[in-house]
Amino acid sequence: MARSKRKSPLRGWRSAAVSSVNPWVDVDRSGQTLHIGQFITFHLIRLANAAKANVTRKYLADFGLSVPEWRLLAMTVRFQPVRFSELVANSSIDKGQASRTLQVLTRRGLIATRTLAGGARRPGDGAPVILTVTPKGRKLYSTALPVAQRNQARLLHLLTREERKALYVILNKLYAAVGDLDVLT
């Protein structure tokens, strides 16, 4: 069956999103002049997804890790011993995905869990689960970390030193504001 030659309504959306005209310079408080491809959230998500797909996944594949597995392993290394609930709350990982990822990492012998007896805070809550990294998990982390660091540094060095300084401040300022609904309303 022949493919239709009909033009897609989304044709050119990438070029429109990357236009040389900066729609943010003179944006008014109503934002009525912005279309979806000019939303800051659109650009941040697009960048995060592209970095995950084209950078992070590529080097993690060499270590047999998915992005969520790497994130959970790395955060456990950094904060261990850590309550699973605290890790989820501070990691931007969905609780369901984090739970499935933890099961994979424990089956692979990379993370160990233990349950604190009598630690439930409310009826129906399970007791807190504490995560630690096993020696096998520590070895994999130690092998993957230098590769991850090099790839992150490579991305950062696409920017000048001043751009890196500004981006760091800007991202932290936006992150702080998102939690304060009064700033956005």
N, C-alpha and C. Protein backbone atom coordinates (compact mmCIF):
# COMPACT_ATOMS: atom_id res chain seq x y z
N MET A 1 0.84 -1.18 0.00
CA MET A 1 0.00 0.00 0.00
C MET A 1 0.88 1.24 0.00
N ALA A 2 0.59 2.18 -0.86
CA ALA A 2 1.40 3.40 -0.99
C ALA A 2 1.14 4.33 0.18
N ARG A 3 2.21 4.99 0.61
CA ARG A 3 2.08 5.97 1.68
C ARG A 3 1.46 7.25 1.15
N SER A 4 0.68 7.87 1.97
CA SER A 4 0.05 9.13 1.60
C SER A 4 1.09 10.24 1.54
N LYS A 5 0.96 11.12 0.57
CA LYS A 5 1.87 12.25 0.41
C LYS A 5 1.36 13.48 1.16
N ARG A 6 0.32 13.30 1.97
CA ARG A 6 -0.28 14.40 2.71
C ARG A 6 0.74 15.01 3.66
N LYS A 7 0.77 16.34 3.78
CA LYS A 7 1.69 17.02 4.69
C LYS A 7 1.21 16.86 6.13
N SER A 8 2.15 16.61 7.00
CA SER A 8 1.84 16.49 8.42
C SER A 8 1.63 17.88 9.02
N PRO A 9 0.63 18.02 9.89
CA PRO A 9 0.45 19.32 10.55
C PRO A 9 1.61 19.65 11.50
N LEU A 10 2.40 18.64 11.85
CA LEU A 10 3.53 18.86 12.75
C LEU A 10 4.82 19.15 12.00
N ARG A 11 4.75 19.12 10.67
CA ARG A 11 5.94 19.37 9.87
C ARG A 11 6.53 20.73 10.22
N GLY A 12 7.81 20.74 10.49
CA GLY A 12 8.48 21.99 10.80
C GLY A 12 8.42 22.39 12.27
N TRP A 13 7.81 21.57 13.10
CA TRP A 13 7.71 21.95 14.52
C TRP A 13 9.07 22.04 15.18
N ARG A 14 10.02 21.19 14.75
CA ARG A 14 11.37 21.26 15.34
C ARG A 14 12.04 22.58 14.97
N SER A 15 11.95 22.97 13.71
CA SER A 15 12.59 24.21 13.31
C SER A 15 11.91 25.41 13.95
N ALA A 16 10.61 25.35 14.15
CA ALA A 16 9.90 26.45 14.81
C ALA A 16 10.33 26.56 16.27
N ALA A 17 10.60 25.41 16.89
CA ALA A 17 11.01 25.41 18.30
C ALA A 17 12.44 25.92 18.46
N VAL A 18 13.24 25.84 17.40
CA VAL A 18 14.65 26.23 17.47
C VAL A 18 14.88 27.52 16.67
N SER A 19 13.86 28.29 16.49
CA SER A 19 13.95 29.52 15.72
C SER A 19 15.04 30.44 16.26
N SER A 20 15.64 31.23 15.36
CA SER A 20 16.68 32.16 15.79
C SER A 20 16.08 33.37 16.52
N VAL A 21 14.79 33.58 16.36
CA VAL A 21 14.11 34.66 17.07
C VAL A 21 13.81 34.17 18.48
N ASN A 22 14.22 34.94 19.49
CA ASN A 22 14.03 34.52 20.87
C ASN A 22 12.69 35.05 21.38
N PRO A 23 11.69 34.17 21.52
CA PRO A 23 10.36 34.62 21.95
C PRO A 23 10.29 34.96 23.44
N TRP A 24 11.34 34.70 24.17
CA TRP A 24 11.33 34.94 25.62
C TRP A 24 11.80 36.34 25.99
N VAL A 25 12.47 37.02 25.08
CA VAL A 25 13.06 38.33 25.40
C VAL A 25 11.99 39.33 25.80
N ASP A 26 10.94 39.43 25.02
CA ASP A 26 9.91 40.44 25.29
C ASP A 26 8.56 39.82 25.67
N VAL A 27 8.58 38.63 26.26
CA VAL A 27 7.32 37.99 26.63
C VAL A 27 6.64 38.80 27.74
N ASP A 28 5.34 39.00 27.58
CA ASP A 28 4.61 39.71 28.63
C ASP A 28 4.15 38.73 29.71
N ARG A 29 3.66 39.22 30.82
CA ARG A 29 3.28 38.37 31.95
C ARG A 29 2.14 37.42 31.62
N SER A 30 1.31 37.77 30.63
CA SER A 30 0.19 36.89 30.27
C SER A 30 0.67 35.67 29.49
N GLY A 31 1.79 35.78 28.78
CA GLY A 31 2.32 34.69 27.98
C GLY A 31 1.49 34.37 26.75
N GLN A 32 0.58 35.26 26.39
CA GLN A 32 -0.34 34.99 25.27
C GLN A 32 0.36 34.86 23.92
N THR A 33 1.56 35.35 23.81
CA THR A 33 2.27 35.26 22.53
C THR A 33 3.03 33.95 22.38
N LEU A 34 3.11 33.16 23.44
CA LEU A 34 3.86 31.90 23.39
C LEU A 34 3.00 30.76 22.89
N HIS A 35 3.55 29.96 21.97
CA HIS A 35 2.88 28.72 21.59
C HIS A 35 3.64 27.56 22.26
N ILE A 36 3.09 26.38 22.20
CA ILE A 36 3.62 25.22 22.93
C ILE A 36 5.11 24.99 22.69
N GLY A 37 5.58 25.19 21.47
CA GLY A 37 6.98 24.99 21.16
C GLY A 37 7.90 26.04 21.74
N GLN A 38 7.32 27.09 22.33
CA GLN A 38 8.11 28.15 22.95
C GLN A 38 8.04 28.09 24.48
N PHE A 39 7.29 27.16 25.03
CA PHE A 39 7.20 27.02 26.48
C PHE A 39 8.54 26.57 27.03
N ILE A 40 8.94 27.12 28.16
CA ILE A 40 10.20 26.71 28.77
C ILE A 40 10.13 25.24 29.17
N THR A 41 8.98 24.79 29.64
CA THR A 41 8.84 23.37 30.01
C THR A 41 9.05 22.48 28.80
N PHE A 42 8.57 22.89 27.64
CA PHE A 42 8.77 22.13 26.41
C PHE A 42 10.27 21.98 26.13
N HIS A 43 11.01 23.08 26.23
CA HIS A 43 12.45 23.05 25.94
C HIS A 43 13.21 22.21 26.96
N LEU A 44 12.87 22.33 28.22
CA LEU A 44 13.57 21.55 29.26
C LEU A 44 13.32 20.06 29.09
N ILE A 45 12.08 19.68 28.84
CA ILE A 45 11.75 18.26 28.67
C ILE A 45 12.39 17.72 27.40
N ARG A 46 12.36 18.50 26.33
CA ARG A 46 12.97 18.08 25.08
C ARG A 46 14.47 17.86 25.26
N LEU A 47 15.12 18.77 25.95
CA LEU A 47 16.55 18.64 26.22
C LEU A 47 16.83 17.42 27.09
N ALA A 48 16.05 17.25 28.15
CA ALA A 48 16.26 16.10 29.05
C ALA A 48 16.07 14.79 28.30
N ASN A 49 15.04 14.70 27.49
CA ASN A 49 14.78 13.47 26.74
C ASN A 49 15.88 13.20 25.71
N ALA A 50 16.35 14.24 25.03
CA ALA A 50 17.41 14.06 24.04
C ALA A 50 18.71 13.64 24.72
N ALA A 51 19.03 14.25 25.86
CA ALA A 51 20.26 13.88 26.58
C ALA A 51 20.17 12.44 27.07
N LYS A 52 19.00 12.07 27.57
CA LYS A 52 18.81 10.70 28.06
C LYS A 52 18.95 9.70 26.92
N ALA A 53 18.33 9.99 25.78
CA ALA A 53 18.33 9.06 24.65
C ALA A 53 19.67 9.02 23.92
N ASN A 54 20.29 10.16 23.73
CA ASN A 54 21.47 10.23 22.87
C ASN A 54 22.80 10.25 23.61
N VAL A 55 22.77 10.41 24.91
CA VAL A 55 24.02 10.43 25.68
C VAL A 55 23.98 9.35 26.75
N THR A 56 23.12 9.52 27.72
CA THR A 56 23.13 8.65 28.89
C THR A 56 22.87 7.18 28.55
N ARG A 57 21.79 6.91 27.80
CA ARG A 57 21.47 5.51 27.47
C ARG A 57 22.61 4.82 26.74
N LYS A 58 23.31 5.56 25.88
CA LYS A 58 24.37 4.96 25.07
C LYS A 58 25.50 4.43 25.94
N TYR A 59 25.95 5.21 26.91
CA TYR A 59 27.07 4.71 27.72
C TYR A 59 26.60 3.75 28.80
N LEU A 60 25.37 3.89 29.27
CA LEU A 60 24.87 2.95 30.29
C LEU A 60 24.66 1.55 29.71
N ALA A 61 24.33 1.48 28.44
CA ALA A 61 24.12 0.17 27.79
C ALA A 61 25.37 -0.70 27.92
N ASP A 62 26.54 -0.07 27.87
CA ASP A 62 27.79 -0.81 28.01
C ASP A 62 27.93 -1.47 29.38
N PHE A 63 27.21 -0.94 30.35
CA PHE A 63 27.27 -1.46 31.71
C PHE A 63 26.04 -2.28 32.08
N GLY A 64 25.14 -2.47 31.12
CA GLY A 64 23.93 -3.25 31.37
C GLY A 64 22.96 -2.55 32.31
N LEU A 65 22.95 -1.22 32.27
CA LEU A 65 22.07 -0.44 33.14
C LEU A 65 21.12 0.41 32.33
N SER A 66 19.90 0.55 32.83
CA SER A 66 18.97 1.51 32.26
C SER A 66 19.18 2.83 32.99
N VAL A 67 18.59 3.90 32.48
CA VAL A 67 18.71 5.21 33.13
C VAL A 67 18.15 5.17 34.55
N PRO A 68 16.94 4.62 34.78
CA PRO A 68 16.43 4.56 36.16
C PRO A 68 17.31 3.70 37.08
N GLU A 69 17.86 2.62 36.55
CA GLU A 69 18.75 1.77 37.36
C GLU A 69 20.00 2.54 37.77
N TRP A 70 20.59 3.26 36.81
CA TRP A 70 21.78 4.05 37.12
C TRP A 70 21.46 5.12 38.17
N ARG A 71 20.35 5.82 37.97
CA ARG A 71 19.98 6.89 38.90
C ARG A 71 19.77 6.35 40.30
N LEU A 72 19.05 5.24 40.42
CA LEU A 72 18.78 4.65 41.74
C LEU A 72 20.07 4.13 42.38
N LEU A 73 20.91 3.47 41.59
CA LEU A 73 22.18 2.97 42.10
C LEU A 73 23.06 4.13 42.56
N ALA A 74 23.20 5.15 41.73
CA ALA A 74 24.07 6.28 42.06
C ALA A 74 23.57 7.04 43.28
N MET A 75 22.27 7.22 43.38
CA MET A 75 21.74 7.94 44.54
C MET A 75 21.88 7.11 45.81
N THR A 76 21.75 5.80 45.70
CA THR A 76 21.94 4.95 46.87
C THR A 76 23.38 5.01 47.33
N VAL A 77 24.32 4.97 46.38
CA VAL A 77 25.74 5.09 46.73
C VAL A 77 25.97 6.40 47.49
N ARG A 78 25.41 7.47 46.98
CA ARG A 78 25.67 8.79 47.55
C ARG A 78 25.07 8.96 48.94
N PHE A 79 23.89 8.40 49.18
CA PHE A 79 23.17 8.70 50.43
C PHE A 79 23.03 7.51 51.38
N GLN A 80 23.60 6.38 51.06
CA GLN A 80 23.39 5.19 51.88
C GLN A 80 23.91 5.34 53.30
N PRO A 81 23.31 4.64 54.23
CA PRO A 81 22.04 3.94 54.11
C PRO A 81 20.91 4.96 53.97
N VAL A 82 19.97 4.68 53.10
CA VAL A 82 18.90 5.63 52.81
C VAL A 82 17.56 4.91 52.79
N ARG A 83 16.55 5.56 53.33
CA ARG A 83 15.19 5.02 53.26
C ARG A 83 14.72 5.12 51.81
N PHE A 84 14.10 4.07 51.34
CA PHE A 84 13.57 4.05 49.98
C PHE A 84 12.63 5.24 49.77
N SER A 85 11.77 5.52 50.74
CA SER A 85 10.80 6.61 50.60
C SER A 85 11.50 7.96 50.46
N GLU A 86 12.60 8.19 51.16
CA GLU A 86 13.35 9.44 51.05
C GLU A 86 14.02 9.55 49.69
N LEU A 87 14.56 8.44 49.22
CA LEU A 87 15.22 8.43 47.93
C LEU A 87 14.22 8.78 46.82
N VAL A 88 13.03 8.19 46.90
CA VAL A 88 12.00 8.46 45.89
C VAL A 88 11.57 9.93 45.96
N ALA A 89 11.36 10.43 47.17
CA ALA A 89 10.90 11.80 47.33
C ALA A 89 11.90 12.82 46.80
N ASN A 90 13.18 12.49 46.81
CA ASN A 90 14.21 13.45 46.41
C ASN A 90 14.89 13.15 45.09
N SER A 91 14.35 12.21 44.31
CA SER A 91 15.05 11.78 43.10
C SER A 91 14.36 12.07 41.78
N SER A 92 13.15 12.56 41.81
CA SER A 92 12.36 12.78 40.58
C SER A 92 12.06 11.48 39.86
N ILE A 93 12.09 10.37 40.59
CA ILE A 93 11.71 9.08 40.02
C ILE A 93 10.32 8.75 40.54
N ASP A 94 9.43 8.35 39.65
CA ASP A 94 8.10 7.92 40.03
C ASP A 94 8.20 6.73 40.99
N LYS A 95 7.35 6.72 42.03
CA LYS A 95 7.43 5.67 43.06
C LYS A 95 7.27 4.27 42.47
N GLY A 96 6.34 4.10 41.55
CA GLY A 96 6.14 2.79 40.93
C GLY A 96 7.36 2.35 40.13
N GLN A 97 7.90 3.28 39.35
CA GLN A 97 9.09 2.96 38.56
C GLN A 97 10.27 2.68 39.49
N ALA A 98 10.39 3.46 40.55
CA ALA A 98 11.49 3.25 41.51
C ALA A 98 11.37 1.88 42.17
N SER A 99 10.16 1.48 42.48
CA SER A 99 9.94 0.17 43.11
C SER A 99 10.32 -0.96 42.16
N ARG A 100 9.90 -0.87 40.90
CA ARG A 100 10.26 -1.88 39.91
C ARG A 100 11.77 -1.91 39.67
N THR A 101 12.37 -0.73 39.62
CA THR A 101 13.81 -0.63 39.41
C THR A 101 14.57 -1.23 40.59
N LEU A 102 14.09 -0.97 41.80
CA LEU A 102 14.73 -1.53 42.99
C LEU A 102 14.68 -3.05 42.95
N GLN A 103 13.56 -3.61 42.51
CA GLN A 103 13.45 -5.07 42.41
C GLN A 103 14.52 -5.63 41.46
N VAL A 104 14.72 -4.96 40.34
CA VAL A 104 15.73 -5.41 39.37
C VAL A 104 17.12 -5.33 39.99
N LEU A 105 17.42 -4.21 40.64
CA LEU A 105 18.75 -4.03 41.23
C LEU A 105 19.02 -5.00 42.37
N THR A 106 18.00 -5.34 43.14
CA THR A 106 18.20 -6.31 44.23
C THR A 106 18.37 -7.72 43.65
N ARG A 107 17.58 -8.05 42.61
CA ARG A 107 17.73 -9.37 41.95
C ARG A 107 19.12 -9.53 41.36
N ARG A 108 19.68 -8.44 40.84
CA ARG A 108 21.01 -8.47 40.23
C ARG A 108 22.12 -8.42 41.29
N GLY A 109 21.73 -8.24 42.54
CA GLY A 109 22.71 -8.21 43.62
C GLY A 109 23.49 -6.91 43.72
N LEU A 110 22.91 -5.81 43.22
CA LEU A 110 23.60 -4.52 43.23
C LEU A 110 23.22 -3.67 44.44
N ILE A 111 22.00 -3.86 44.92
CA ILE A 111 21.50 -3.13 46.09
C ILE A 111 20.91 -4.13 47.07
N ALA A 112 21.17 -3.90 48.36
CA ALA A 112 20.60 -4.72 49.42
C ALA A 112 19.54 -3.89 50.15
N THR A 113 18.49 -4.56 50.59
CA THR A 113 17.43 -3.88 51.34
C THR A 113 17.26 -4.55 52.69
N ARG A 114 16.85 -3.76 53.65
CA ARG A 114 16.44 -4.32 54.93
C ARG A 114 15.26 -3.50 55.41
N THR A 115 14.36 -4.13 56.11
CA THR A 115 13.16 -3.48 56.60
C THR A 115 13.32 -3.20 58.09
N LEU A 116 13.01 -1.99 58.48
CA LEU A 116 13.05 -1.63 59.89
C LEU A 116 11.77 -2.12 60.56
N ALA A 117 11.91 -2.98 61.52
CA ALA A 117 10.74 -3.53 62.23
C ALA A 117 10.06 -2.44 63.04
N GLY A 118 8.73 -2.47 63.04
CA GLY A 118 7.96 -1.53 63.84
C GLY A 118 8.10 -0.09 63.43
N GLY A 119 8.50 0.15 62.20
CA GLY A 119 8.75 1.52 61.78
C GLY A 119 7.62 2.18 61.02
N ALA A 120 6.49 1.49 60.87
CA ALA A 120 5.38 2.07 60.11
C ALA A 120 4.88 3.32 60.82
N ARG A 121 4.66 4.39 60.06
CA ARG A 121 4.22 5.65 60.65
C ARG A 121 2.72 5.74 60.75
N ARG A 122 1.99 5.08 59.85
CA ARG A 122 0.52 5.11 59.86
C ARG A 122 0.02 3.70 59.64
N PRO A 123 -1.17 3.39 60.14
CA PRO A 123 -1.72 2.06 59.88
C PRO A 123 -1.81 1.83 58.36
N GLY A 124 -1.41 0.65 57.92
CA GLY A 124 -1.44 0.32 56.50
C GLY A 124 -0.14 0.59 55.79
N ASP A 125 0.69 1.44 56.39
CA ASP A 125 2.01 1.70 55.81
C ASP A 125 2.91 0.52 56.10
N GLY A 126 3.76 0.21 55.17
CA GLY A 126 4.77 -0.81 55.43
C GLY A 126 5.89 -0.20 56.27
N ALA A 127 6.67 -1.05 56.86
CA ALA A 127 7.82 -0.56 57.62
C ALA A 127 8.83 0.04 56.65
N PRO A 128 9.59 1.03 57.08
CA PRO A 128 10.58 1.66 56.19
C PRO A 128 11.60 0.65 55.67
N VAL A 129 11.93 0.80 54.40
CA VAL A 129 12.93 -0.05 53.74
C VAL A 129 14.20 0.77 53.58
N ILE A 130 15.31 0.21 54.06
CA ILE A 130 16.60 0.88 54.00
C ILE A 130 17.43 0.25 52.88
N LEU A 131 18.04 1.09 52.04
CA LEU A 131 18.84 0.63 50.91
C LEU A 131 20.33 0.86 51.18
N THR A 132 21.13 -0.11 50.80
CA THR A 132 22.58 0.02 50.79
C THR A 132 23.10 -0.65 49.52
N VAL A 133 24.27 -0.24 49.09
CA VAL A 133 24.87 -0.80 47.89
C VAL A 133 25.75 -1.99 48.29
N THR A 134 25.64 -3.06 47.53
CA THR A 134 26.47 -4.25 47.76
C THR A 134 27.86 -4.02 47.17
N PRO A 135 28.82 -4.86 47.52
CA PRO A 135 30.15 -4.73 46.89
C PRO A 135 30.07 -4.84 45.36
N LYS A 136 29.21 -5.71 44.85
CA LYS A 136 29.04 -5.84 43.40
C LYS A 136 28.49 -4.53 42.81
N GLY A 137 27.52 -3.94 43.51
CA GLY A 137 26.95 -2.67 43.06
C GLY A 137 27.96 -1.55 43.11
N ARG A 138 28.78 -1.53 44.15
CA ARG A 138 29.83 -0.51 44.29
C ARG A 138 30.84 -0.64 43.16
N LYS A 139 31.20 -1.88 42.81
CA LYS A 139 32.18 -2.09 41.73
C LYS A 139 31.61 -1.60 40.40
N LEU A 140 30.36 -1.92 40.09
CA LEU A 140 29.73 -1.47 38.85
C LEU A 140 29.65 0.06 38.83
N TYR A 141 29.24 0.64 39.94
CA TYR A 141 29.16 2.10 40.04
C TYR A 141 30.53 2.73 39.80
N SER A 142 31.57 2.19 40.43
CA SER A 142 32.93 2.73 40.29
C SER A 142 33.44 2.63 38.86
N THR A 143 32.98 1.62 38.14
CA THR A 143 33.39 1.45 36.75
C THR A 143 32.61 2.40 35.83
N ALA A 144 31.32 2.57 36.10
CA ALA A 144 30.47 3.41 35.24
C ALA A 144 30.64 4.90 35.51
N LEU A 145 30.94 5.26 36.75
CA LEU A 145 31.00 6.69 37.12
C LEU A 145 31.97 7.50 36.27
N PRO A 146 33.21 7.08 36.05
CA PRO A 146 34.11 7.90 35.22
C PRO A 146 33.58 8.13 33.80
N VAL A 147 32.91 7.15 33.25
CA VAL A 147 32.34 7.29 31.91
C VAL A 147 31.21 8.32 31.95
N ALA A 148 30.35 8.22 32.97
CA ALA A 148 29.25 9.17 33.13
C ALA A 148 29.80 10.58 33.32
N GLN A 149 30.82 10.71 34.15
CA GLN A 149 31.41 12.03 34.42
C GLN A 149 31.98 12.64 33.14
N ARG A 150 32.69 11.84 32.34
CA ARG A 150 33.26 12.34 31.08
C ARG A 150 32.16 12.81 30.13
N ASN A 151 31.08 12.04 30.04
CA ASN A 151 29.99 12.42 29.14
C ASN A 151 29.28 13.68 29.62
N GLN A 152 29.09 13.82 30.91
CA GLN A 152 28.48 15.04 31.44
C GLN A 152 29.39 16.24 31.22
N ALA A 153 30.69 16.05 31.44
CA ALA A 153 31.64 17.14 31.22
C ALA A 153 31.68 17.54 29.74
N ARG A 154 31.57 16.54 28.86
CA ARG A 154 31.55 16.84 27.42
C ARG A 154 30.36 17.74 27.08
N LEU A 155 29.21 17.46 27.64
CA LEU A 155 28.03 18.31 27.42
C LEU A 155 28.26 19.71 27.96
N LEU A 156 28.78 19.79 29.18
CA LEU A 156 29.01 21.10 29.79
C LEU A 156 30.01 21.93 29.00
N HIS A 157 30.99 21.27 28.40
CA HIS A 157 32.00 22.00 27.64
C HIS A 157 31.53 22.44 26.26
N LEU A 158 30.30 22.16 25.92
CA LEU A 158 29.70 22.75 24.73
C LEU A 158 29.37 24.22 25.01
N LEU A 159 29.35 24.58 26.29
CA LEU A 159 29.06 25.94 26.72
C LEU A 159 30.35 26.61 27.19
N THR A 160 30.37 27.93 27.12
CA THR A 160 31.50 28.65 27.67
C THR A 160 31.43 28.60 29.19
N ARG A 161 32.52 28.99 29.84
CA ARG A 161 32.55 29.02 31.30
C ARG A 161 31.44 29.93 31.83
N GLU A 162 31.24 31.09 31.23
CA GLU A 162 30.20 32.03 31.65
C GLU A 162 28.81 31.44 31.44
N GLU A 163 28.61 30.76 30.32
CA GLU A 163 27.31 30.12 30.06
C GLU A 163 27.02 29.04 31.09
N ARG A 164 28.06 28.26 31.46
CA ARG A 164 27.88 27.22 32.48
C ARG A 164 27.50 27.84 33.81
N LYS A 165 28.18 28.92 34.19
CA LYS A 165 27.85 29.60 35.45
C LYS A 165 26.40 30.09 35.42
N ALA A 166 26.02 30.74 34.33
CA ALA A 166 24.67 31.28 34.22
C ALA A 166 23.62 30.17 34.21
N LEU A 167 23.87 29.11 33.47
CA LEU A 167 22.91 28.01 33.39
C LEU A 167 22.68 27.38 34.75
N TYR A 168 23.75 27.18 35.51
CA TYR A 168 23.63 26.59 36.84
C TYR A 168 22.75 27.46 37.74
N VAL A 169 23.00 28.76 37.73
CA VAL A 169 22.21 29.69 38.54
C VAL A 169 20.76 29.69 38.07
N ILE A 170 20.55 29.75 36.77
CA ILE A 170 19.20 29.82 36.21
C ILE A 170 18.41 28.56 36.54
N LEU A 171 19.00 27.39 36.32
CA LEU A 171 18.29 26.15 36.60
C LEU A 171 17.92 26.04 38.08
N ASN A 172 18.83 26.42 38.96
CA ASN A 172 18.53 26.37 40.39
C ASN A 172 17.46 27.38 40.78
N LYS A 173 17.48 28.54 40.17
CA LYS A 173 16.46 29.56 40.44
C LYS A 173 15.08 29.07 40.00
N LEU A 174 15.01 28.49 38.81
CA LEU A 174 13.74 27.97 38.32
C LEU A 174 13.25 26.81 39.18
N TYR A 175 14.16 25.93 39.58
CA TYR A 175 13.77 24.79 40.41
C TYR A 175 13.22 25.27 41.76
N ALA A 176 13.87 26.26 42.34
CA ALA A 176 13.40 26.80 43.61
C ALA A 176 12.02 27.43 43.45
N ALA A 177 11.77 28.10 42.33
CA ALA A 177 10.50 28.78 42.10
C ALA A 177 9.34 27.81 41.85
N VAL A 178 9.62 26.68 41.24
CA VAL A 178 8.56 25.74 40.91
C VAL A 178 7.89 25.21 42.18
N GLY A 179 8.63 25.07 43.23
CA GLY A 179 8.05 24.60 44.49
C GLY A 179 7.27 25.67 45.22
N ASP A 180 7.46 26.92 44.84
CA ASP A 180 6.76 28.04 45.49
C ASP A 180 5.67 28.54 44.54
N LEU A 181 4.47 28.04 44.73
CA LEU A 181 3.37 28.36 43.81
C LEU A 181 3.06 29.84 43.77
N ASP A 182 3.37 30.58 44.84
CA ASP A 182 3.10 32.02 44.86
C ASP A 182 3.92 32.76 43.79
N VAL A 183 5.10 32.24 43.50
CA VAL A 183 5.97 32.88 42.50
C VAL A 183 5.35 32.75 41.11
N LEU A 184 4.68 31.63 40.85
CA LEU A 184 4.15 31.38 39.52
C LEU A 184 2.75 31.94 39.30
N THR A 185 2.05 32.33 40.36
CA THR A 185 0.67 32.82 40.17
C THR A 185 0.59 34.31 40.21
